[in-house]
C-alpha cells in the first residue's frame, strides 16, 4: 500500500530530474552555438543555421556546420543542373549564359564532393593525424569557397534574371560555407581532440 502511494511521487521526481537534465543540455548547446557564432563571418546566419544543432563540442559544431554547408551545396547543385538542362534545350538562351551555367554545374558539383570529403574527415579524427586531417578539411572547404567565386565570375558578362537567381543561391551557399570554415578553424585552434575509441 505504501509503495503505491510512493510510486506517483517517485515518478514525478524522475520526471523533474529528466526535465532539468534536458534543459541543462540545451543550455550548454545554445551557449556553445552563441559563443562560437559570435565571431563567424556571418554571425546571424550562423546562429540561424546551427541553433537547433545538438552539438556539445567544437568538433560536433564543426561537423554540423559542414553538414549545413553540404546540404545547401547539394540544393544549389540540383538547381543549377535543372537550370542548365532547361537553358541548353532552349535556342533562345544566350551562349554566354549556357557556358556560365555549365561551368557552375561543374564547380558546385566539385564543391559538393569537397564538402562530403570534409565531413567524412571530421567524423574520423585521430590524435596521431589530427593536424593533417585539419589541414585537409581547411583546404577542401576553402576550395569549395573558391568554386563558388569562380562560378559567379563566369556570370560577369551575363545579364538577366538567371544571373540574379544564381548569384543569390551561390552567395547564400558561400556564406554558410564560410561559417563552416570558421568552425573548422576554431576546432583546429581548440585542438578538438577526438574521444578515444575502444
N, C-alpha and C. Protein backbone atom coordinates (compact mmCIF):
# COMPACT_ATOMS: atom_id res chain seq x y z
N UNK A 1 0.82 -1.19 0.00
CA UNK A 1 0.00 0.00 0.00
C UNK A 1 0.86 1.26 0.00
N UNK A 2 1.89 1.27 0.85
CA UNK A 2 2.78 2.44 0.90
C UNK A 2 3.46 2.66 -0.44
N UNK A 3 3.88 1.57 -1.08
CA UNK A 3 4.58 1.66 -2.35
C UNK A 3 3.68 2.31 -3.41
N UNK A 4 2.42 1.95 -3.44
CA UNK A 4 1.53 2.52 -4.45
C UNK A 4 1.31 4.02 -4.22
N UNK A 5 1.41 4.45 -2.97
CA UNK A 5 1.31 5.88 -2.69
C UNK A 5 2.61 6.60 -3.04
N UNK A 6 3.69 5.91 -2.88
CA UNK A 6 5.00 6.47 -3.13
C UNK A 6 5.34 6.51 -4.63
N UNK A 7 4.78 5.60 -5.40
CA UNK A 7 5.09 5.49 -6.83
C UNK A 7 4.82 6.78 -7.61
N UNK A 8 3.65 7.41 -7.48
CA UNK A 8 3.44 8.67 -8.23
C UNK A 8 4.45 9.75 -7.85
N UNK A 9 4.79 9.81 -6.57
CA UNK A 9 5.78 10.79 -6.12
C UNK A 9 7.15 10.52 -6.74
N UNK A 10 7.57 9.26 -6.78
CA UNK A 10 8.85 8.90 -7.38
C UNK A 10 8.86 9.17 -8.89
N UNK A 11 7.76 8.89 -9.55
CA UNK A 11 7.66 9.17 -10.99
C UNK A 11 7.75 10.68 -11.25
N UNK A 12 7.12 11.47 -10.39
CA UNK A 12 7.18 12.91 -10.53
C UNK A 12 8.62 13.41 -10.35
N UNK A 13 9.33 12.89 -9.36
CA UNK A 13 10.73 13.26 -9.14
C UNK A 13 11.60 12.88 -10.34
N UNK A 14 11.37 11.70 -10.89
CA UNK A 14 12.12 11.26 -12.06
C UNK A 14 11.85 12.19 -13.25
N UNK A 15 10.60 12.57 -13.42
CA UNK A 15 10.24 13.50 -14.48
C UNK A 15 10.98 14.82 -14.33
N UNK A 16 11.02 15.36 -13.12
CA UNK A 16 11.71 16.62 -12.87
C UNK A 16 13.21 16.50 -13.13
N UNK A 17 13.79 15.39 -12.75
CA UNK A 17 15.21 15.16 -12.98
C UNK A 17 15.51 15.12 -14.48
N UNK A 18 14.71 14.40 -15.22
CA UNK A 18 14.91 14.32 -16.68
C UNK A 18 14.71 15.69 -17.33
N UNK A 19 13.72 16.42 -16.88
CA UNK A 19 13.45 17.74 -17.42
C UNK A 19 14.62 18.69 -17.17
N UNK A 20 15.18 18.66 -15.97
CA UNK A 20 16.31 19.56 -15.66
C UNK A 20 17.55 19.16 -16.44
N UNK A 21 17.77 17.86 -16.65
CA UNK A 21 18.93 17.41 -17.43
C UNK A 21 18.79 17.86 -18.88
N UNK A 22 17.60 17.71 -19.44
CA UNK A 22 17.35 18.13 -20.82
C UNK A 22 17.55 19.63 -20.97
N UNK A 23 17.07 20.40 -20.01
CA UNK A 23 17.21 21.85 -20.05
C UNK A 23 18.68 22.25 -19.96
N UNK A 24 19.44 21.58 -19.11
CA UNK A 24 20.87 21.88 -18.97
C UNK A 24 21.61 21.57 -20.26
N UNK A 25 21.27 20.47 -20.92
CA UNK A 25 21.93 20.10 -22.18
C UNK A 25 21.63 21.14 -23.25
N UNK A 26 20.36 21.60 -23.33
CA UNK A 26 20.01 22.63 -24.31
C UNK A 26 20.74 23.93 -24.01
N UNK A 27 20.87 24.25 -22.74
CA UNK A 27 21.56 25.47 -22.35
C UNK A 27 23.04 25.42 -22.76
N UNK A 28 23.69 24.27 -22.54
CA UNK A 28 25.08 24.10 -22.94
C UNK A 28 25.23 24.22 -24.45
N UNK A 29 24.33 23.57 -25.17
CA UNK A 29 24.37 23.62 -26.63
C UNK A 29 24.16 25.05 -27.12
N UNK A 30 23.16 25.72 -26.59
CA UNK A 30 22.89 27.07 -27.08
C UNK A 30 24.03 28.01 -26.71
N UNK A 31 24.67 27.81 -25.56
CA UNK A 31 25.83 28.63 -25.19
C UNK A 31 26.98 28.38 -26.16
N UNK A 32 27.24 27.13 -26.50
CA UNK A 32 28.31 26.78 -27.44
C UNK A 32 28.05 27.43 -28.80
N UNK A 33 26.83 27.32 -29.28
CA UNK A 33 26.50 27.89 -30.59
C UNK A 33 26.63 29.41 -30.54
N UNK A 34 26.08 30.04 -29.51
CA UNK A 34 26.16 31.52 -29.40
C UNK A 34 27.60 32.00 -29.35
N UNK A 35 28.41 31.40 -28.49
CA UNK A 35 29.79 31.87 -28.36
C UNK A 35 30.61 31.54 -29.60
N UNK A 36 30.31 30.43 -30.25
CA UNK A 36 31.05 30.06 -31.46
C UNK A 36 30.66 30.91 -32.65
N UNK A 37 29.40 31.24 -32.77
CA UNK A 37 28.93 32.03 -33.91
C UNK A 37 29.25 33.52 -33.78
N UNK A 38 29.55 33.93 -32.59
CA UNK A 38 29.76 35.35 -32.30
C UNK A 38 30.75 36.01 -33.26
N UNK A 39 31.83 35.31 -33.60
CA UNK A 39 32.85 35.91 -34.45
C UNK A 39 32.93 35.26 -35.84
N UNK A 40 31.91 34.50 -36.20
CA UNK A 40 31.87 33.90 -37.53
C UNK A 40 31.73 35.01 -38.57
N UNK A 41 32.03 34.69 -39.81
CA UNK A 41 31.91 35.68 -40.88
C UNK A 41 30.50 36.24 -40.99
N UNK A 42 29.51 35.37 -40.80
CA UNK A 42 28.11 35.75 -40.88
C UNK A 42 27.40 35.25 -39.61
N UNK A 43 27.55 36.00 -38.50
CA UNK A 43 27.07 35.51 -37.20
C UNK A 43 25.57 35.22 -37.13
N UNK A 44 24.75 36.07 -37.73
CA UNK A 44 23.30 35.82 -37.68
C UNK A 44 22.92 34.57 -38.45
N UNK A 45 23.52 34.39 -39.60
CA UNK A 45 23.28 33.19 -40.40
C UNK A 45 23.77 31.96 -39.64
N UNK A 46 24.91 32.09 -39.00
CA UNK A 46 25.48 31.01 -38.19
C UNK A 46 24.50 30.59 -37.09
N UNK A 47 24.00 31.57 -36.35
CA UNK A 47 23.03 31.27 -35.29
C UNK A 47 21.78 30.62 -35.85
N UNK A 48 21.30 31.14 -36.96
CA UNK A 48 20.08 30.61 -37.57
C UNK A 48 20.26 29.16 -38.02
N UNK A 49 21.37 28.86 -38.65
CA UNK A 49 21.57 27.52 -39.22
C UNK A 49 22.01 26.48 -38.19
N UNK A 50 22.61 26.94 -37.08
CA UNK A 50 23.13 25.98 -36.10
C UNK A 50 22.38 25.98 -34.77
N UNK A 51 21.38 26.83 -34.63
CA UNK A 51 20.71 26.96 -33.34
C UNK A 51 20.01 25.68 -32.89
N UNK A 52 19.62 24.82 -33.80
CA UNK A 52 18.96 23.58 -33.42
C UNK A 52 19.93 22.40 -33.36
N UNK A 53 21.19 22.67 -33.57
CA UNK A 53 22.20 21.62 -33.54
C UNK A 53 22.36 21.08 -32.12
N UNK A 54 22.45 19.75 -31.98
CA UNK A 54 22.67 19.17 -30.65
C UNK A 54 24.15 19.15 -30.26
N UNK A 55 24.96 19.96 -30.91
CA UNK A 55 26.41 19.96 -30.69
C UNK A 55 26.76 20.23 -29.24
N UNK A 56 27.68 19.43 -28.73
CA UNK A 56 28.16 19.59 -27.36
C UNK A 56 29.63 20.01 -27.31
N UNK A 57 30.33 19.89 -28.45
CA UNK A 57 31.76 20.19 -28.50
C UNK A 57 32.05 20.98 -29.78
N UNK A 58 33.22 21.64 -29.83
CA UNK A 58 33.61 22.31 -31.08
C UNK A 58 33.65 21.34 -32.27
N UNK A 59 34.04 20.11 -32.01
CA UNK A 59 34.06 19.10 -33.09
C UNK A 59 32.64 18.85 -33.61
N UNK A 60 31.68 18.67 -32.71
CA UNK A 60 30.29 18.47 -33.12
C UNK A 60 29.79 19.67 -33.93
N UNK A 61 30.16 20.86 -33.48
CA UNK A 61 29.70 22.08 -34.14
C UNK A 61 30.31 22.22 -35.53
N UNK A 62 31.58 21.89 -35.67
CA UNK A 62 32.22 21.93 -36.99
C UNK A 62 31.54 20.94 -37.93
N UNK A 63 31.24 19.75 -37.42
CA UNK A 63 30.54 18.75 -38.25
C UNK A 63 29.16 19.26 -38.66
N UNK A 64 28.45 19.87 -37.72
CA UNK A 64 27.11 20.39 -38.03
C UNK A 64 27.20 21.51 -39.07
N UNK A 65 28.18 22.38 -38.94
CA UNK A 65 28.34 23.50 -39.89
C UNK A 65 28.65 22.98 -41.29
N UNK A 66 29.51 21.98 -41.38
CA UNK A 66 29.83 21.40 -42.70
C UNK A 66 28.62 20.67 -43.26
N UNK A 67 27.86 20.00 -42.41
CA UNK A 67 26.64 19.32 -42.88
C UNK A 67 25.64 20.31 -43.45
N UNK A 68 25.50 21.46 -42.81
CA UNK A 68 24.60 22.51 -43.33
C UNK A 68 25.13 23.01 -44.67
N UNK A 69 26.42 23.23 -44.75
CA UNK A 69 27.03 23.70 -45.99
C UNK A 69 26.83 22.68 -47.12
N UNK A 70 27.04 21.42 -46.80
CA UNK A 70 26.86 20.36 -47.79
C UNK A 70 25.41 20.30 -48.27
N UNK A 71 24.48 20.43 -47.35
CA UNK A 71 23.07 20.42 -47.72
C UNK A 71 22.73 21.57 -48.67
N UNK A 72 23.24 22.76 -48.36
CA UNK A 72 23.00 23.92 -49.24
C UNK A 72 23.65 23.71 -50.61
N UNK A 73 24.87 23.20 -50.59
CA UNK A 73 25.57 22.98 -51.87
C UNK A 73 24.82 21.97 -52.74
N UNK A 74 24.28 20.94 -52.12
CA UNK A 74 23.51 19.95 -52.89
C UNK A 74 22.27 20.58 -53.51
N UNK A 75 21.59 21.44 -52.75
CA UNK A 75 20.40 22.12 -53.28
C UNK A 75 20.76 23.03 -54.44
N UNK A 76 21.86 23.77 -54.29
CA UNK A 76 22.30 24.66 -55.37
C UNK A 76 22.70 23.84 -56.59
N UNK A 77 23.37 22.72 -56.37
CA UNK A 77 23.78 21.86 -57.47
C UNK A 77 22.57 21.35 -58.25
N UNK A 78 21.54 20.92 -57.54
CA UNK A 78 20.32 20.45 -58.21
C UNK A 78 19.65 21.58 -58.99
N UNK A 79 19.60 22.76 -58.38
CA UNK A 79 19.02 23.93 -59.04
C UNK A 79 19.77 24.27 -60.32
N UNK A 80 21.11 24.30 -60.23
CA UNK A 80 21.93 24.64 -61.40
C UNK A 80 21.82 23.59 -62.50
N UNK A 81 21.78 22.33 -62.11
CA UNK A 81 21.65 21.25 -63.11
C UNK A 81 20.34 21.39 -63.87
N UNK A 82 19.26 21.65 -63.14
CA UNK A 82 17.95 21.82 -63.79
C UNK A 82 17.96 23.05 -64.69
N UNK A 83 18.53 24.14 -64.21
CA UNK A 83 18.60 25.37 -64.99
C UNK A 83 19.45 25.19 -66.24
N UNK A 84 20.56 24.49 -66.09
CA UNK A 84 21.45 24.24 -67.22
C UNK A 84 20.76 23.37 -68.27
N UNK A 85 20.05 22.36 -67.81
CA UNK A 85 19.32 21.48 -68.73
C UNK A 85 18.27 22.27 -69.50
N UNK A 86 17.53 23.12 -68.79
CA UNK A 86 16.50 23.94 -69.43
C UNK A 86 17.13 24.92 -70.42
N UNK A 87 18.24 25.53 -70.03
CA UNK A 87 18.90 26.51 -70.91
C UNK A 87 19.49 25.86 -72.15
N UNK A 88 20.07 24.69 -71.99
CA UNK A 88 20.71 24.04 -73.14
C UNK A 88 19.69 23.55 -74.16
N UNK A 89 18.46 23.32 -73.71
CA UNK A 89 17.44 22.87 -74.65
C UNK A 89 16.67 24.02 -75.28
N UNK A 90 17.00 25.25 -74.89
CA UNK A 90 16.34 26.42 -75.45
C UNK A 90 17.30 27.16 -76.38
N UNK A 91 16.86 27.35 -77.61
CA UNK A 91 17.71 28.05 -78.58
C UNK A 91 17.79 29.56 -78.29
N UNK A 92 16.89 30.07 -77.46
CA UNK A 92 16.90 31.50 -77.18
C UNK A 92 17.85 31.87 -76.03
N UNK A 93 18.44 30.89 -75.37
CA UNK A 93 19.36 31.18 -74.27
C UNK A 93 20.71 31.62 -74.86
N UNK A 94 21.20 32.79 -74.42
CA UNK A 94 22.50 33.26 -74.92
C UNK A 94 23.62 32.27 -74.60
N UNK A 95 24.57 32.18 -75.54
CA UNK A 95 25.67 31.23 -75.39
C UNK A 95 26.46 31.47 -74.09
N UNK A 96 26.74 32.73 -73.78
CA UNK A 96 27.50 33.03 -72.54
C UNK A 96 26.81 32.47 -71.31
N UNK A 97 25.50 32.58 -71.28
CA UNK A 97 24.74 32.07 -70.14
C UNK A 97 24.83 30.56 -70.07
N UNK A 98 24.69 29.88 -71.23
CA UNK A 98 24.79 28.41 -71.25
C UNK A 98 26.17 27.95 -70.77
N UNK A 99 27.22 28.64 -71.23
CA UNK A 99 28.58 28.29 -70.83
C UNK A 99 28.78 28.53 -69.34
N UNK A 100 28.30 29.70 -68.86
CA UNK A 100 28.44 30.03 -67.44
C UNK A 100 27.70 29.01 -66.58
N UNK A 101 26.52 28.62 -66.99
CA UNK A 101 25.75 27.62 -66.23
C UNK A 101 26.46 26.26 -66.23
N UNK A 102 26.97 25.87 -67.39
CA UNK A 102 27.69 24.59 -67.48
C UNK A 102 28.91 24.57 -66.56
N UNK A 103 29.65 25.70 -66.55
CA UNK A 103 30.82 25.80 -65.66
C UNK A 103 30.40 25.75 -64.19
N UNK A 104 29.30 26.45 -63.88
CA UNK A 104 28.81 26.47 -62.49
C UNK A 104 28.38 25.08 -62.03
N UNK A 105 27.74 24.34 -62.90
CA UNK A 105 27.32 22.98 -62.54
C UNK A 105 28.55 22.18 -62.13
N UNK A 106 29.61 22.29 -62.91
CA UNK A 106 30.86 21.58 -62.60
C UNK A 106 31.47 22.06 -61.30
N UNK A 107 31.55 23.37 -61.13
CA UNK A 107 32.17 23.95 -59.93
C UNK A 107 31.42 23.53 -58.66
N UNK A 108 30.11 23.65 -58.69
CA UNK A 108 29.33 23.33 -57.50
C UNK A 108 29.32 21.82 -57.23
N UNK A 109 29.37 21.04 -58.28
CA UNK A 109 29.49 19.59 -58.10
C UNK A 109 30.81 19.26 -57.39
N UNK A 110 31.88 19.94 -57.79
CA UNK A 110 33.17 19.76 -57.12
C UNK A 110 33.07 20.18 -55.65
N UNK A 111 32.34 21.27 -55.40
CA UNK A 111 32.16 21.74 -54.01
C UNK A 111 31.44 20.69 -53.17
N UNK A 112 30.42 20.07 -53.74
CA UNK A 112 29.69 19.02 -53.02
C UNK A 112 30.66 17.90 -52.65
N UNK A 113 31.49 17.48 -53.61
CA UNK A 113 32.46 16.42 -53.33
C UNK A 113 33.44 16.83 -52.23
N UNK A 114 33.92 18.05 -52.29
CA UNK A 114 34.88 18.53 -51.28
C UNK A 114 34.26 18.62 -49.89
N UNK A 115 33.02 19.05 -49.84
CA UNK A 115 32.34 19.14 -48.55
C UNK A 115 32.03 17.75 -47.98
N UNK A 116 31.71 16.80 -48.86
CA UNK A 116 31.50 15.42 -48.40
C UNK A 116 32.78 14.86 -47.81
N UNK A 117 33.90 15.09 -48.51
CA UNK A 117 35.20 14.62 -48.01
C UNK A 117 35.52 15.26 -46.67
N UNK A 118 35.21 16.54 -46.54
CA UNK A 118 35.47 17.25 -45.29
C UNK A 118 34.67 16.65 -44.14
N UNK A 119 33.38 16.43 -44.38
CA UNK A 119 32.54 15.87 -43.33
C UNK A 119 33.03 14.49 -42.91
N UNK A 120 33.40 13.70 -43.89
CA UNK A 120 33.94 12.36 -43.60
C UNK A 120 35.22 12.47 -42.76
N UNK A 121 36.07 13.40 -43.11
CA UNK A 121 37.32 13.61 -42.37
C UNK A 121 37.04 14.02 -40.92
N UNK A 122 36.08 14.90 -40.74
CA UNK A 122 35.74 15.37 -39.38
C UNK A 122 35.12 14.27 -38.53
N UNK A 123 34.49 13.31 -39.17
CA UNK A 123 33.89 12.20 -38.43
C UNK A 123 34.93 11.16 -38.00
N UNK A 124 36.11 11.23 -38.58
CA UNK A 124 37.13 10.21 -38.29
C UNK A 124 38.45 10.83 -37.85
N UNK A 125 38.39 11.82 -36.99
CA UNK A 125 39.61 12.46 -36.50
C UNK A 125 40.37 11.51 -35.56
N UNK A 126 41.69 11.53 -35.71
CA UNK A 126 42.57 10.71 -34.87
C UNK A 126 43.67 11.61 -34.32
N UNK A 127 44.04 11.35 -33.11
CA UNK A 127 45.07 12.15 -32.43
C UNK A 127 46.36 12.20 -33.25
N UNK A 128 46.78 11.05 -33.77
CA UNK A 128 48.07 10.97 -34.48
C UNK A 128 48.08 11.78 -35.77
N UNK A 129 46.93 11.91 -36.39
CA UNK A 129 46.86 12.58 -37.70
C UNK A 129 45.99 13.84 -37.67
N UNK A 130 45.73 14.34 -36.48
CA UNK A 130 44.80 15.46 -36.32
C UNK A 130 45.20 16.66 -37.19
N UNK A 131 46.45 17.09 -37.10
CA UNK A 131 46.89 18.27 -37.86
C UNK A 131 46.74 18.05 -39.36
N UNK A 132 47.10 16.89 -39.83
CA UNK A 132 46.98 16.55 -41.25
C UNK A 132 45.51 16.59 -41.66
N UNK A 133 44.64 16.00 -40.86
CA UNK A 133 43.22 15.97 -41.18
C UNK A 133 42.61 17.37 -41.17
N UNK A 134 43.03 18.20 -40.21
CA UNK A 134 42.51 19.56 -40.16
C UNK A 134 42.97 20.36 -41.38
N UNK A 135 44.20 20.13 -41.78
CA UNK A 135 44.72 20.80 -42.98
C UNK A 135 43.91 20.38 -44.20
N UNK A 136 43.61 19.09 -44.31
CA UNK A 136 42.77 18.62 -45.42
C UNK A 136 41.40 19.30 -45.39
N UNK A 137 40.77 19.31 -44.21
CA UNK A 137 39.43 19.90 -44.10
C UNK A 137 39.45 21.38 -44.49
N UNK A 138 40.45 22.11 -44.00
CA UNK A 138 40.54 23.54 -44.33
C UNK A 138 40.76 23.74 -45.83
N UNK A 139 41.60 22.91 -46.42
CA UNK A 139 41.88 23.02 -47.86
C UNK A 139 40.62 22.73 -48.68
N UNK A 140 39.90 21.68 -48.33
CA UNK A 140 38.71 21.30 -49.11
C UNK A 140 37.59 22.34 -48.98
N UNK A 141 37.39 22.88 -47.79
CA UNK A 141 36.34 23.88 -47.62
C UNK A 141 36.74 25.18 -48.32
N UNK A 142 38.01 25.53 -48.26
CA UNK A 142 38.50 26.71 -48.99
C UNK A 142 38.31 26.53 -50.49
N UNK A 143 38.56 25.32 -50.97
CA UNK A 143 38.36 25.04 -52.40
C UNK A 143 36.88 25.18 -52.78
N UNK A 144 35.99 24.74 -51.90
CA UNK A 144 34.55 24.90 -52.15
C UNK A 144 34.19 26.38 -52.27
N UNK A 145 34.78 27.21 -51.41
CA UNK A 145 34.53 28.66 -51.50
C UNK A 145 35.07 29.24 -52.80
N UNK A 146 36.25 28.79 -53.20
CA UNK A 146 36.84 29.24 -54.47
C UNK A 146 35.95 28.84 -55.64
N UNK A 147 35.40 27.63 -55.59
CA UNK A 147 34.49 27.18 -56.65
C UNK A 147 33.27 28.10 -56.75
N UNK A 148 32.74 28.51 -55.60
CA UNK A 148 31.59 29.42 -55.61
C UNK A 148 31.96 30.74 -56.28
N UNK A 149 33.13 31.27 -55.92
CA UNK A 149 33.60 32.53 -56.53
C UNK A 149 33.79 32.38 -58.03
N UNK A 150 34.39 31.26 -58.44
CA UNK A 150 34.63 31.00 -59.87
C UNK A 150 33.31 30.92 -60.62
N UNK A 151 32.33 30.28 -60.02
CA UNK A 151 31.00 30.20 -60.63
C UNK A 151 30.44 31.60 -60.87
N UNK A 152 30.51 32.44 -59.86
CA UNK A 152 29.98 33.80 -60.01
C UNK A 152 30.76 34.62 -61.03
N UNK A 153 32.08 34.41 -61.07
CA UNK A 153 32.90 35.12 -62.06
C UNK A 153 32.44 34.85 -63.48
N UNK A 154 31.96 33.65 -63.74
CA UNK A 154 31.50 33.29 -65.07
C UNK A 154 30.27 34.05 -65.51
N UNK A 155 29.57 34.65 -64.57
CA UNK A 155 28.34 35.38 -64.89
C UNK A 155 28.56 36.89 -65.02
N UNK A 156 29.81 37.34 -64.99
CA UNK A 156 30.06 38.78 -65.08
C UNK A 156 29.53 39.39 -66.37
N UNK A 157 29.62 38.66 -67.46
CA UNK A 157 29.18 39.19 -68.76
C UNK A 157 27.76 38.75 -69.11
N UNK A 158 27.03 38.21 -68.12
CA UNK A 158 25.66 37.74 -68.34
C UNK A 158 24.72 38.67 -67.59
N UNK A 159 23.60 38.99 -68.21
CA UNK A 159 22.60 39.83 -67.57
C UNK A 159 21.30 39.05 -67.43
N UNK A 160 20.43 39.55 -66.59
CA UNK A 160 19.09 38.99 -66.51
C UNK A 160 18.77 38.27 -65.22
N UNK A 161 17.59 37.68 -65.23
CA UNK A 161 17.04 37.02 -64.05
C UNK A 161 17.85 35.79 -63.63
N UNK A 162 18.34 35.05 -64.59
CA UNK A 162 19.12 33.84 -64.28
C UNK A 162 20.36 34.22 -63.47
N UNK A 163 21.04 35.27 -63.90
CA UNK A 163 22.23 35.73 -63.18
C UNK A 163 21.88 36.08 -61.73
N UNK A 164 20.78 36.79 -61.53
CA UNK A 164 20.37 37.19 -60.18
C UNK A 164 20.04 35.97 -59.33
N UNK A 165 19.33 35.00 -59.90
CA UNK A 165 18.99 33.78 -59.15
C UNK A 165 20.23 32.99 -58.76
N UNK A 166 21.13 32.83 -59.72
CA UNK A 166 22.37 32.08 -59.46
C UNK A 166 23.19 32.80 -58.39
N UNK A 167 23.32 34.11 -58.54
CA UNK A 167 24.11 34.89 -57.58
C UNK A 167 23.55 34.76 -56.17
N UNK A 168 22.23 34.83 -56.04
CA UNK A 168 21.59 34.74 -54.73
C UNK A 168 21.85 33.37 -54.09
N UNK A 169 21.67 32.32 -54.87
CA UNK A 169 21.84 30.96 -54.32
C UNK A 169 23.31 30.66 -54.01
N UNK A 170 24.20 31.05 -54.90
CA UNK A 170 25.63 30.79 -54.68
C UNK A 170 26.13 31.61 -53.49
N UNK A 171 25.70 32.85 -53.39
CA UNK A 171 26.13 33.71 -52.28
C UNK A 171 25.67 33.12 -50.95
N UNK A 172 24.44 32.65 -50.88
CA UNK A 172 23.93 32.05 -49.65
C UNK A 172 24.75 30.81 -49.29
N UNK A 173 25.01 29.95 -50.27
CA UNK A 173 25.81 28.74 -50.01
C UNK A 173 27.22 29.11 -49.58
N UNK A 174 27.80 30.11 -50.21
CA UNK A 174 29.16 30.53 -49.86
C UNK A 174 29.23 31.08 -48.44
N UNK A 175 28.22 31.79 -48.02
CA UNK A 175 28.21 32.33 -46.65
C UNK A 175 28.16 31.21 -45.61
N UNK A 176 27.33 30.22 -45.86
CA UNK A 176 27.24 29.08 -44.94
C UNK A 176 28.58 28.32 -44.94
N UNK A 177 29.19 28.21 -46.10
CA UNK A 177 30.47 27.51 -46.21
C UNK A 177 31.57 28.31 -45.51
N UNK A 178 31.52 29.61 -45.61
CA UNK A 178 32.48 30.46 -44.91
C UNK A 178 32.37 30.25 -43.40
N UNK A 179 31.15 30.17 -42.90
CA UNK A 179 30.95 29.90 -41.48
C UNK A 179 31.47 28.51 -41.10
N UNK A 180 31.29 27.54 -41.99
CA UNK A 180 31.79 26.19 -41.73
C UNK A 180 33.32 26.21 -41.63
N UNK A 181 33.97 26.96 -42.50
CA UNK A 181 35.42 27.08 -42.44
C UNK A 181 35.85 27.71 -41.11
N UNK A 182 35.10 28.68 -40.67
CA UNK A 182 35.40 29.32 -39.38
C UNK A 182 35.30 28.28 -38.24
N UNK A 183 34.28 27.45 -38.28
CA UNK A 183 34.12 26.43 -37.22
C UNK A 183 35.25 25.40 -37.28
N UNK A 184 35.71 25.08 -38.48
CA UNK A 184 36.84 24.16 -38.61
C UNK A 184 38.10 24.80 -38.04
N UNK A 185 38.30 26.07 -38.34
CA UNK A 185 39.46 26.78 -37.79
C UNK A 185 39.41 26.84 -36.27
N UNK A 186 38.21 27.06 -35.71
CA UNK A 186 38.05 27.06 -34.25
C UNK A 186 38.38 25.68 -33.67
N UNK A 187 37.95 24.65 -34.36
CA UNK A 187 38.24 23.29 -33.90
C UNK A 187 39.75 23.05 -33.91
N UNK A 188 40.41 23.50 -34.96
CA UNK A 188 41.85 23.34 -35.05
C UNK A 188 42.55 24.08 -33.91
N UNK A 189 42.08 25.30 -33.64
CA UNK A 189 42.67 26.10 -32.56
C UNK A 189 42.43 25.48 -31.19
N UNK A 190 41.25 24.88 -31.02
CA UNK A 190 40.92 24.29 -29.72
C UNK A 190 41.54 22.89 -29.58
N UNK A 191 42.12 22.46 -30.69
CA UNK A 191 42.73 21.10 -30.71
C UNK A 191 41.69 20.08 -30.30
N UNK A 192 40.51 20.17 -30.96
CA UNK A 192 39.36 19.33 -30.64
C UNK A 192 39.69 17.86 -30.64
N UNK A 193 40.30 17.42 -29.63
CA UNK A 193 40.74 16.03 -29.54
C UNK A 193 39.56 15.07 -29.62
N UNK A 194 39.70 14.07 -30.46
CA UNK A 194 38.61 13.08 -30.56
C UNK A 194 38.60 12.19 -29.33
N UNK A 195 37.42 11.68 -29.05
CA UNK A 195 37.33 10.71 -27.97
C UNK A 195 37.98 9.42 -28.44
N UNK A 196 38.73 8.78 -27.57
CA UNK A 196 39.39 7.54 -27.97
C UNK A 196 38.35 6.44 -28.13
N UNK A 197 38.54 5.62 -29.13
CA UNK A 197 37.64 4.50 -29.41
C UNK A 197 38.23 3.25 -28.79
N UNK A 198 37.38 2.34 -28.29
CA UNK A 198 37.91 1.10 -27.71
C UNK A 198 38.56 0.21 -28.73
